[in-house]
Structures are given as C-alpha cells and as structure tokens.
C-alpha cells in the first residue's frame, strides 16, 4: 500500500511540474518586447483597429487576450496582454470568429501574418497592405495545441 501511495504522490508531482513547465517556458524564453512604433513618426496612417478582450466564447482562464491591435499600411501591432503560451500565430480572417470550430472551418481562407513571441506587445510586418474588402478580423491561435486564444474585429480608424 505504501508503494502505491508513494507512486501516486510522486507521479502527481511530476505531472504538476510538467504542466507548470509548459506554462512557464514561454514566459521564461520570450524575447524583449518591441517598442510600439509611433504611427505619426513613421509617416504611416492607422487603417484599422480592433480590440481583444477576455469575453470571447472560447476564451478561458488559460487562453485569453486583451488590448488594442492596430493595422497600418506596412505593419500590425498590438499593445495589451495575452495569456502566455507556445507557438502563437496571428491570422487575418475574412470572417469574425470566436470559437475553435469556426477557426478550423475558416482557416483555409485566412492569412498567417506571423509568429507572436511576446505576450504584452508585438509588431509584425505586413508584406502587403490589408485588403479591407476581404479581411475584417484578426485571430490569435496556438498552433501547438490547436487552441483559440482571442480575436478582434477590425474597424476603420476615423481620421
């Protein structure tokens, strides 16, 4: 009986340590967060803006984001906070989605804008300006675990 109890207590500790490692590793290995560019100093115009919040249908305690995401002609940048995790990607979508099943349904029509390596702010270059007629949303997705993190509907910024 004692051997069984020792086995389960040790196995529980190993499992807990592994889970904490998966959660903590992206935080410990993230690079320095980039400075958010001053749009006016770069002679760029804010084209679209959206807001991530924690109240998305498939967001939960471990998968969430909140803050503002802004698209210019040459880059997209975010300032706020994302739940830490591995292998986050930013997608441009023709359809606003809030669930994993909707993401999977629309993924073939989305554009992967790049990797998200930091969780408080990021800047991703755009190879071409966003086609606002075709794409109206951005989604943060965890490729490793197939998890929806958050999404935002992009709206034109009024001058």
N, C-alpha and C. Protein backbone atom coordinates (compact mmCIF):
# COMPACT_ATOMS: atom_id res chain seq x y z
N UNK A 1 0.82 -1.20 0.00
CA UNK A 1 0.00 0.00 0.00
C UNK A 1 0.87 1.26 0.00
N UNK A 2 1.94 1.22 0.77
CA UNK A 2 2.83 2.38 0.86
C UNK A 2 3.49 2.67 -0.49
N UNK A 3 3.86 1.62 -1.21
CA UNK A 3 4.49 1.78 -2.51
C UNK A 3 3.51 2.44 -3.50
N UNK A 4 2.28 2.02 -3.44
CA UNK A 4 1.26 2.61 -4.33
C UNK A 4 1.06 4.09 -3.99
N UNK A 5 0.99 4.41 -2.72
CA UNK A 5 0.83 5.80 -2.30
C UNK A 5 2.02 6.65 -2.74
N UNK A 6 3.24 6.12 -2.56
CA UNK A 6 4.44 6.85 -3.00
C UNK A 6 4.44 7.04 -4.52
N UNK A 7 4.03 6.01 -5.23
CA UNK A 7 3.98 6.13 -6.69
C UNK A 7 3.04 7.26 -7.11
N UNK A 8 1.83 7.27 -6.57
CA UNK A 8 0.85 8.30 -6.97
C UNK A 8 1.25 9.70 -6.53
N UNK A 9 1.85 9.85 -5.37
CA UNK A 9 2.27 11.19 -4.94
C UNK A 9 3.42 11.69 -5.81
N UNK A 10 4.36 10.80 -6.13
CA UNK A 10 5.48 11.22 -6.97
C UNK A 10 5.02 11.47 -8.41
N UNK A 11 4.15 10.64 -8.92
CA UNK A 11 3.63 10.84 -10.27
C UNK A 11 2.84 12.15 -10.35
N UNK A 12 2.10 12.47 -9.31
CA UNK A 12 1.36 13.74 -9.28
C UNK A 12 2.30 14.93 -9.29
N UNK A 13 3.39 14.83 -8.53
CA UNK A 13 4.38 15.92 -8.52
C UNK A 13 5.04 16.09 -9.88
N UNK A 14 5.37 14.99 -10.53
CA UNK A 14 5.97 15.06 -11.86
C UNK A 14 4.99 15.68 -12.86
N UNK A 15 3.74 15.25 -12.81
CA UNK A 15 2.72 15.80 -13.73
C UNK A 15 2.51 17.29 -13.48
N UNK A 16 2.46 17.70 -12.22
CA UNK A 16 2.30 19.12 -11.90
C UNK A 16 3.51 19.92 -12.38
N UNK A 17 4.71 19.39 -12.17
CA UNK A 17 5.92 20.07 -12.64
C UNK A 17 5.95 20.20 -14.14
N UNK A 18 5.53 19.17 -14.84
CA UNK A 18 5.47 19.21 -16.30
C UNK A 18 4.48 20.27 -16.77
N UNK A 19 3.30 20.29 -16.17
CA UNK A 19 2.28 21.29 -16.55
C UNK A 19 2.77 22.70 -16.27
N UNK A 20 3.39 22.92 -15.13
CA UNK A 20 3.93 24.24 -14.82
C UNK A 20 5.05 24.62 -15.78
N UNK A 21 5.84 23.65 -16.20
CA UNK A 21 6.90 23.91 -17.17
C UNK A 21 6.35 24.34 -18.51
N UNK A 22 5.29 23.67 -18.97
CA UNK A 22 4.66 24.06 -20.24
C UNK A 22 4.14 25.49 -20.15
N UNK A 23 3.58 25.85 -19.01
CA UNK A 23 3.04 27.20 -18.84
C UNK A 23 4.16 28.23 -18.71
N UNK A 24 5.21 27.91 -17.95
CA UNK A 24 6.25 28.89 -17.63
C UNK A 24 7.30 29.04 -18.73
N UNK A 25 7.56 28.01 -19.51
CA UNK A 25 8.63 28.07 -20.50
C UNK A 25 8.47 29.23 -21.49
N UNK A 26 7.29 29.46 -22.07
CA UNK A 26 7.17 30.61 -22.98
C UNK A 26 7.45 31.95 -22.29
N UNK A 27 7.09 32.06 -21.04
CA UNK A 27 7.35 33.30 -20.29
C UNK A 27 8.84 33.48 -20.09
N UNK A 28 9.52 32.41 -19.73
CA UNK A 28 10.96 32.48 -19.43
C UNK A 28 11.80 32.68 -20.68
N UNK A 29 11.33 32.20 -21.82
CA UNK A 29 12.14 32.27 -23.04
C UNK A 29 11.71 33.37 -24.01
N UNK A 30 10.69 34.15 -23.66
CA UNK A 30 10.25 35.20 -24.59
C UNK A 30 11.32 36.26 -24.75
N UNK A 31 11.48 36.78 -25.96
CA UNK A 31 12.45 37.85 -26.18
C UNK A 31 11.94 39.17 -25.60
N UNK A 32 12.79 40.17 -25.64
CA UNK A 32 12.39 41.51 -25.19
C UNK A 32 11.24 42.00 -26.07
N UNK A 33 10.22 42.56 -25.44
CA UNK A 33 9.08 43.09 -26.20
C UNK A 33 9.51 44.30 -27.02
N UNK A 34 9.04 44.40 -28.26
CA UNK A 34 9.43 45.54 -29.09
C UNK A 34 8.74 46.82 -28.64
N UNK A 35 9.34 47.93 -29.00
CA UNK A 35 8.69 49.22 -28.76
C UNK A 35 7.57 49.37 -29.79
N UNK A 36 6.47 49.88 -29.35
CA UNK A 36 5.35 50.13 -30.26
C UNK A 36 5.67 51.40 -31.04
N UNK A 37 5.64 51.32 -32.36
CA UNK A 37 6.03 52.49 -33.17
C UNK A 37 5.03 53.63 -33.03
N UNK A 38 5.55 54.80 -33.14
CA UNK A 38 4.70 55.98 -33.21
C UNK A 38 4.23 56.09 -34.65
N UNK A 39 2.96 55.98 -34.86
CA UNK A 39 2.42 55.97 -36.21
C UNK A 39 2.77 57.26 -36.93
N UNK A 40 2.64 58.38 -36.25
CA UNK A 40 2.92 59.65 -36.91
C UNK A 40 4.39 59.81 -37.24
N UNK A 41 5.28 59.24 -36.42
CA UNK A 41 6.71 59.40 -36.69
C UNK A 41 7.16 58.57 -37.88
N UNK A 42 6.41 57.54 -38.23
CA UNK A 42 6.79 56.68 -39.35
C UNK A 42 6.07 57.10 -40.64
N UNK A 43 5.33 58.19 -40.60
CA UNK A 43 4.54 58.63 -41.75
C UNK A 43 3.58 57.54 -42.22
N UNK A 44 3.00 56.85 -41.27
CA UNK A 44 2.03 55.82 -41.59
C UNK A 44 0.66 56.26 -41.11
N UNK A 45 -0.33 55.70 -41.73
CA UNK A 45 -1.68 56.00 -41.34
C UNK A 45 -2.30 54.76 -40.72
N UNK A 46 -2.93 54.93 -39.57
CA UNK A 46 -3.67 53.83 -38.99
C UNK A 46 -4.86 53.55 -39.88
N UNK A 47 -4.94 52.34 -40.38
CA UNK A 47 -6.03 51.98 -41.27
C UNK A 47 -7.19 51.36 -40.51
N UNK A 48 -6.84 50.39 -39.65
CA UNK A 48 -7.86 49.65 -38.92
C UNK A 48 -7.40 49.40 -37.50
N UNK A 49 -8.38 49.21 -36.63
CA UNK A 49 -8.06 48.93 -35.24
C UNK A 49 -9.10 47.95 -34.70
N UNK A 50 -8.68 47.13 -33.77
CA UNK A 50 -9.59 46.19 -33.13
C UNK A 50 -9.23 46.04 -31.67
N UNK A 51 -10.11 45.38 -30.94
CA UNK A 51 -9.89 45.21 -29.51
C UNK A 51 -10.05 43.75 -29.12
N UNK A 52 -9.00 43.21 -28.50
CA UNK A 52 -9.09 41.88 -27.90
C UNK A 52 -9.67 42.06 -26.50
N UNK A 53 -10.55 41.13 -26.10
CA UNK A 53 -10.97 41.12 -24.70
C UNK A 53 -11.16 39.68 -24.24
N UNK A 54 -11.28 39.51 -22.94
CA UNK A 54 -11.33 38.17 -22.35
C UNK A 54 -12.68 37.48 -22.51
N UNK A 55 -13.66 38.16 -23.04
CA UNK A 55 -15.02 37.63 -23.09
C UNK A 55 -15.38 36.96 -24.41
N UNK A 56 -14.41 36.38 -25.08
CA UNK A 56 -14.71 35.63 -26.30
C UNK A 56 -15.30 34.27 -25.90
N UNK A 57 -16.10 33.72 -26.79
CA UNK A 57 -16.81 32.48 -26.48
C UNK A 57 -15.88 31.33 -26.08
N UNK A 58 -14.78 31.13 -26.80
CA UNK A 58 -13.86 30.03 -26.48
C UNK A 58 -12.64 30.47 -25.67
N UNK A 59 -12.59 31.70 -25.22
CA UNK A 59 -11.51 32.13 -24.33
C UNK A 59 -11.82 31.60 -22.92
N UNK A 60 -10.77 31.28 -22.19
CA UNK A 60 -10.95 30.79 -20.82
C UNK A 60 -9.78 31.27 -19.97
N UNK A 61 -9.62 30.69 -18.78
CA UNK A 61 -8.60 31.12 -17.83
C UNK A 61 -7.19 31.03 -18.41
N UNK A 62 -6.93 30.04 -19.26
CA UNK A 62 -5.59 29.83 -19.82
C UNK A 62 -5.42 30.40 -21.23
N UNK A 63 -6.51 30.75 -21.88
CA UNK A 63 -6.47 31.18 -23.29
C UNK A 63 -7.28 32.46 -23.44
N UNK A 64 -6.60 33.60 -23.39
CA UNK A 64 -7.29 34.88 -23.46
C UNK A 64 -6.34 35.97 -23.94
N UNK A 65 -6.89 37.10 -24.28
CA UNK A 65 -6.12 38.27 -24.64
C UNK A 65 -6.96 39.50 -24.44
N UNK A 66 -6.30 40.60 -24.10
CA UNK A 66 -6.99 41.89 -24.03
C UNK A 66 -6.02 42.99 -24.40
N UNK A 67 -6.53 43.97 -25.13
CA UNK A 67 -5.70 45.07 -25.59
C UNK A 67 -6.16 45.54 -26.95
N UNK A 68 -5.36 46.42 -27.54
CA UNK A 68 -5.71 47.04 -28.82
C UNK A 68 -4.72 46.58 -29.89
N UNK A 69 -5.26 46.20 -31.04
CA UNK A 69 -4.44 45.82 -32.18
C UNK A 69 -4.71 46.82 -33.30
N UNK A 70 -3.63 47.30 -33.91
CA UNK A 70 -3.73 48.35 -34.93
C UNK A 70 -3.01 47.92 -36.19
N UNK A 71 -3.64 48.14 -37.33
CA UNK A 71 -3.04 47.83 -38.62
C UNK A 71 -2.74 49.12 -39.36
N UNK A 72 -1.51 49.22 -39.87
CA UNK A 72 -1.13 50.32 -40.75
C UNK A 72 -0.90 49.73 -42.14
N UNK A 73 -0.37 50.51 -43.05
CA UNK A 73 -0.12 50.00 -44.39
C UNK A 73 1.00 48.97 -44.42
N UNK A 74 1.94 49.04 -43.47
CA UNK A 74 3.10 48.16 -43.53
C UNK A 74 3.28 47.24 -42.33
N UNK A 75 2.49 47.41 -41.28
CA UNK A 75 2.66 46.56 -40.10
C UNK A 75 1.38 46.49 -39.28
N UNK A 76 1.37 45.50 -38.41
CA UNK A 76 0.27 45.37 -37.47
C UNK A 76 0.90 45.27 -36.09
N UNK A 77 0.38 46.03 -35.15
CA UNK A 77 0.97 45.99 -33.81
C UNK A 77 -0.09 45.91 -32.74
N UNK A 78 0.32 45.31 -31.62
CA UNK A 78 -0.58 45.03 -30.50
C UNK A 78 0.03 45.56 -29.22
N UNK A 79 -0.80 46.15 -28.41
CA UNK A 79 -0.40 46.57 -27.07
C UNK A 79 -1.50 46.15 -26.11
N UNK A 80 -1.13 45.35 -25.14
CA UNK A 80 -2.08 44.81 -24.19
C UNK A 80 -1.46 43.62 -23.50
N UNK A 81 -2.21 42.54 -23.39
CA UNK A 81 -1.70 41.36 -22.72
C UNK A 81 -2.36 40.11 -23.30
N UNK A 82 -1.54 39.09 -23.54
CA UNK A 82 -2.02 37.78 -23.97
C UNK A 82 -1.64 36.76 -22.91
N UNK A 83 -2.49 35.75 -22.72
CA UNK A 83 -2.12 34.64 -21.85
C UNK A 83 -0.89 33.98 -22.45
N UNK A 84 0.15 33.71 -21.66
CA UNK A 84 1.35 33.11 -22.23
C UNK A 84 1.10 31.70 -22.76
N UNK A 85 1.79 31.37 -23.82
CA UNK A 85 1.67 30.04 -24.39
C UNK A 85 2.66 29.87 -25.53
N UNK A 86 2.83 28.62 -25.98
CA UNK A 86 3.78 28.35 -27.05
C UNK A 86 3.15 28.50 -28.43
N UNK A 87 3.96 28.86 -29.39
CA UNK A 87 3.61 28.76 -30.80
C UNK A 87 2.35 29.53 -31.19
N UNK A 88 2.23 30.77 -30.70
CA UNK A 88 1.10 31.62 -31.09
C UNK A 88 1.31 32.17 -32.49
N UNK A 89 0.24 32.22 -33.26
CA UNK A 89 0.24 32.79 -34.61
C UNK A 89 -0.87 33.83 -34.69
N UNK A 90 -0.64 34.84 -35.53
CA UNK A 90 -1.66 35.84 -35.79
C UNK A 90 -2.21 35.61 -37.19
N UNK A 91 -3.51 35.45 -37.29
CA UNK A 91 -4.18 35.21 -38.56
C UNK A 91 -5.08 36.38 -38.92
N UNK A 92 -5.15 36.66 -40.20
CA UNK A 92 -6.07 37.63 -40.77
C UNK A 92 -7.22 36.83 -41.37
N UNK A 93 -8.45 37.19 -41.02
CA UNK A 93 -9.60 36.38 -41.40
C UNK A 93 -10.66 37.18 -42.14
N UNK A 94 -11.33 36.54 -43.12
CA UNK A 94 -12.44 37.20 -43.80
C UNK A 94 -13.73 37.14 -42.98
N UNK A 95 -13.72 36.35 -41.92
CA UNK A 95 -14.91 36.16 -41.09
C UNK A 95 -14.52 36.28 -39.62
N UNK A 96 -15.29 37.01 -38.86
CA UNK A 96 -15.05 37.13 -37.43
C UNK A 96 -15.40 35.80 -36.76
N UNK A 97 -14.48 35.27 -35.96
CA UNK A 97 -14.72 34.00 -35.26
C UNK A 97 -14.41 34.16 -33.77
N UNK A 98 -15.10 33.36 -32.96
CA UNK A 98 -14.88 33.35 -31.52
C UNK A 98 -14.69 31.94 -30.98
N UNK A 99 -14.67 30.94 -31.85
CA UNK A 99 -14.57 29.56 -31.39
C UNK A 99 -13.53 28.79 -32.21
N UNK A 100 -13.04 27.70 -31.60
CA UNK A 100 -12.08 26.84 -32.29
C UNK A 100 -12.71 26.21 -33.53
N UNK A 101 -13.95 25.78 -33.42
CA UNK A 101 -14.60 25.12 -34.57
C UNK A 101 -14.77 26.10 -35.74
N UNK A 102 -15.13 27.35 -35.44
CA UNK A 102 -15.23 28.35 -36.51
C UNK A 102 -13.86 28.65 -37.11
N UNK A 103 -12.83 28.70 -36.26
CA UNK A 103 -11.48 28.95 -36.76
C UNK A 103 -11.08 27.85 -37.74
N UNK A 104 -11.29 26.61 -37.35
CA UNK A 104 -10.92 25.48 -38.21
C UNK A 104 -11.71 25.53 -39.52
N UNK A 105 -12.97 25.90 -39.45
CA UNK A 105 -13.80 25.99 -40.65
C UNK A 105 -13.28 27.05 -41.62
N UNK A 106 -12.79 28.18 -41.13
CA UNK A 106 -12.35 29.30 -41.97
C UNK A 106 -10.85 29.34 -42.21
N UNK A 107 -10.07 28.47 -41.57
CA UNK A 107 -8.61 28.56 -41.62
C UNK A 107 -8.05 28.56 -43.04
N UNK A 108 -8.63 27.80 -43.93
CA UNK A 108 -8.11 27.73 -45.30
C UNK A 108 -8.22 29.07 -46.04
N UNK A 109 -9.08 29.95 -45.58
CA UNK A 109 -9.25 31.26 -46.21
C UNK A 109 -8.53 32.37 -45.46
N UNK A 110 -7.83 32.01 -44.39
CA UNK A 110 -7.12 33.01 -43.58
C UNK A 110 -5.68 33.16 -44.05
N UNK A 111 -5.07 34.27 -43.64
CA UNK A 111 -3.66 34.53 -43.94
C UNK A 111 -2.90 34.53 -42.62
N UNK A 112 -1.84 33.71 -42.55
CA UNK A 112 -0.98 33.68 -41.37
C UNK A 112 -0.02 34.86 -41.47
N UNK A 113 -0.15 35.81 -40.55
CA UNK A 113 0.70 37.01 -40.59
C UNK A 113 2.04 36.80 -39.91
N UNK A 114 2.16 35.78 -39.05
CA UNK A 114 3.44 35.51 -38.42
C UNK A 114 3.33 35.02 -37.00
N UNK A 115 4.50 34.80 -36.40
CA UNK A 115 4.60 34.28 -35.04
C UNK A 115 4.52 35.39 -34.01
N UNK A 116 3.87 35.10 -32.91
CA UNK A 116 3.82 36.01 -31.77
C UNK A 116 4.76 35.44 -30.72
N UNK A 117 5.80 36.18 -30.40
CA UNK A 117 6.81 35.69 -29.46
C UNK A 117 6.74 36.36 -28.09
N UNK A 118 6.01 37.47 -27.99
CA UNK A 118 5.91 38.20 -26.72
C UNK A 118 4.43 38.34 -26.35
N UNK A 119 4.16 38.56 -25.08
CA UNK A 119 2.79 38.49 -24.60
C UNK A 119 2.23 39.82 -24.10
N UNK A 120 3.00 40.90 -24.18
CA UNK A 120 2.46 42.20 -23.77
C UNK A 120 2.36 43.18 -24.94
N UNK A 121 3.17 43.00 -25.95
CA UNK A 121 3.07 43.79 -27.17
C UNK A 121 3.90 43.11 -28.26
N UNK A 122 3.48 43.33 -29.49
CA UNK A 122 4.24 42.78 -30.62
C UNK A 122 4.02 43.65 -31.84
N UNK A 123 4.96 43.54 -32.78
CA UNK A 123 4.87 44.23 -34.06
C UNK A 123 5.18 43.19 -35.14
N UNK A 124 4.29 43.06 -36.12
CA UNK A 124 4.51 42.15 -37.23
C UNK A 124 4.46 42.95 -38.53
N UNK A 125 5.47 42.79 -39.39
CA UNK A 125 5.44 43.49 -40.68
C UNK A 125 4.41 42.85 -41.61
N UNK A 126 3.83 43.66 -42.46
CA UNK A 126 2.89 43.17 -43.48
C UNK A 126 3.59 43.21 -44.83
N UNK A 127 3.55 42.10 -45.56
CA UNK A 127 4.18 42.08 -46.88
C UNK A 127 3.37 42.90 -47.89
N UNK A 128 2.06 43.00 -47.65
CA UNK A 128 1.18 43.82 -48.48
C UNK A 128 0.15 44.47 -47.57
N UNK A 129 -0.40 45.60 -47.98
CA UNK A 129 -1.46 46.21 -47.17
C UNK A 129 -2.65 45.25 -47.02
N UNK A 130 -3.38 45.38 -45.93
CA UNK A 130 -4.54 44.54 -45.69
C UNK A 130 -5.66 44.91 -46.67
N UNK A 131 -6.20 43.90 -47.31
CA UNK A 131 -7.35 44.11 -48.19
C UNK A 131 -8.59 44.21 -47.31
N UNK A 132 -8.98 45.44 -47.00
CA UNK A 132 -10.09 45.66 -46.06
C UNK A 132 -11.43 45.18 -46.63
N UNK A 133 -11.50 45.00 -47.93
CA UNK A 133 -12.72 44.46 -48.53
C UNK A 133 -12.84 42.96 -48.24
N UNK A 134 -11.70 42.29 -48.09
CA UNK A 134 -11.70 40.84 -47.93
C UNK A 134 -11.52 40.40 -46.47
N UNK A 135 -10.65 41.07 -45.72
CA UNK A 135 -10.33 40.65 -44.36
C UNK A 135 -10.80 41.69 -43.35
N UNK A 136 -11.51 41.23 -42.32
CA UNK A 136 -12.02 42.17 -41.34
C UNK A 136 -11.74 41.77 -39.89
N UNK A 137 -10.95 40.72 -39.68
CA UNK A 137 -10.70 40.25 -38.32
C UNK A 137 -9.30 39.69 -38.18
N UNK A 138 -8.81 39.70 -36.94
CA UNK A 138 -7.55 39.04 -36.62
C UNK A 138 -7.80 38.05 -35.49
N UNK A 139 -7.07 36.94 -35.53
CA UNK A 139 -7.23 35.88 -34.54
C UNK A 139 -5.86 35.47 -34.05
N UNK A 140 -5.73 35.29 -32.73
CA UNK A 140 -4.53 34.71 -32.14
C UNK A 140 -4.86 33.24 -31.90
N UNK A 141 -4.00 32.36 -32.42
CA UNK A 141 -4.23 30.92 -32.39
C UNK A 141 -2.96 30.22 -31.91
N UNK A 142 -3.10 29.22 -31.07
CA UNK A 142 -1.97 28.41 -30.61
C UNK A 142 -1.88 27.18 -31.50
N UNK A 143 -0.85 27.14 -32.36
CA UNK A 143 -0.70 26.02 -33.30
C UNK A 143 -0.37 24.71 -32.58
N UNK A 144 0.46 24.77 -31.54
CA UNK A 144 0.89 23.54 -30.87
C UNK A 144 -0.26 22.74 -30.29
N UNK A 145 -1.21 23.43 -29.69
CA UNK A 145 -2.31 22.75 -29.01
C UNK A 145 -3.66 22.94 -29.71
N UNK A 146 -3.67 23.66 -30.83
CA UNK A 146 -4.92 23.88 -31.54
C UNK A 146 -5.94 24.62 -30.70
N UNK A 147 -5.49 25.67 -30.01
CA UNK A 147 -6.36 26.41 -29.10
C UNK A 147 -6.63 27.82 -29.60
N UNK A 148 -7.88 28.21 -29.54
CA UNK A 148 -8.28 29.59 -29.81
C UNK A 148 -7.88 30.43 -28.61
N UNK A 149 -7.21 31.55 -28.85
CA UNK A 149 -6.80 32.44 -27.77
C UNK A 149 -7.73 33.65 -27.70
N UNK A 150 -7.79 34.43 -28.77
CA UNK A 150 -8.67 35.58 -28.80
C UNK A 150 -8.83 36.07 -30.24
N UNK A 151 -9.74 37.00 -30.43
CA UNK A 151 -9.96 37.57 -31.76
C UNK A 151 -10.43 39.01 -31.62
N UNK A 152 -10.32 39.73 -32.73
CA UNK A 152 -10.78 41.12 -32.76
C UNK A 152 -11.33 41.43 -34.14
N UNK A 153 -12.40 42.15 -34.18
CA UNK A 153 -12.95 42.64 -35.44
C UNK A 153 -12.26 43.96 -35.74
N UNK A 154 -11.69 44.06 -36.94
CA UNK A 154 -11.01 45.29 -37.34
C UNK A 154 -12.01 46.28 -37.92
N UNK A 155 -11.93 47.50 -37.46
CA UNK A 155 -12.80 48.56 -37.97
C UNK A 155 -11.93 49.72 -38.44
N UNK A 156 -12.38 50.46 -39.45
CA UNK A 156 -11.60 51.61 -39.91
C UNK A 156 -11.42 52.64 -38.80
N UNK A 157 -10.24 53.22 -38.77
CA UNK A 157 -9.95 54.27 -37.79
C UNK A 157 -10.40 55.59 -38.39
N UNK A 158 -11.24 56.30 -37.68
CA UNK A 158 -11.70 57.59 -38.20
C UNK A 158 -10.61 58.63 -38.02
N UNK A 159 -10.44 59.45 -39.01
CA UNK A 159 -9.37 60.46 -39.02
C UNK A 159 -9.68 61.57 -38.05
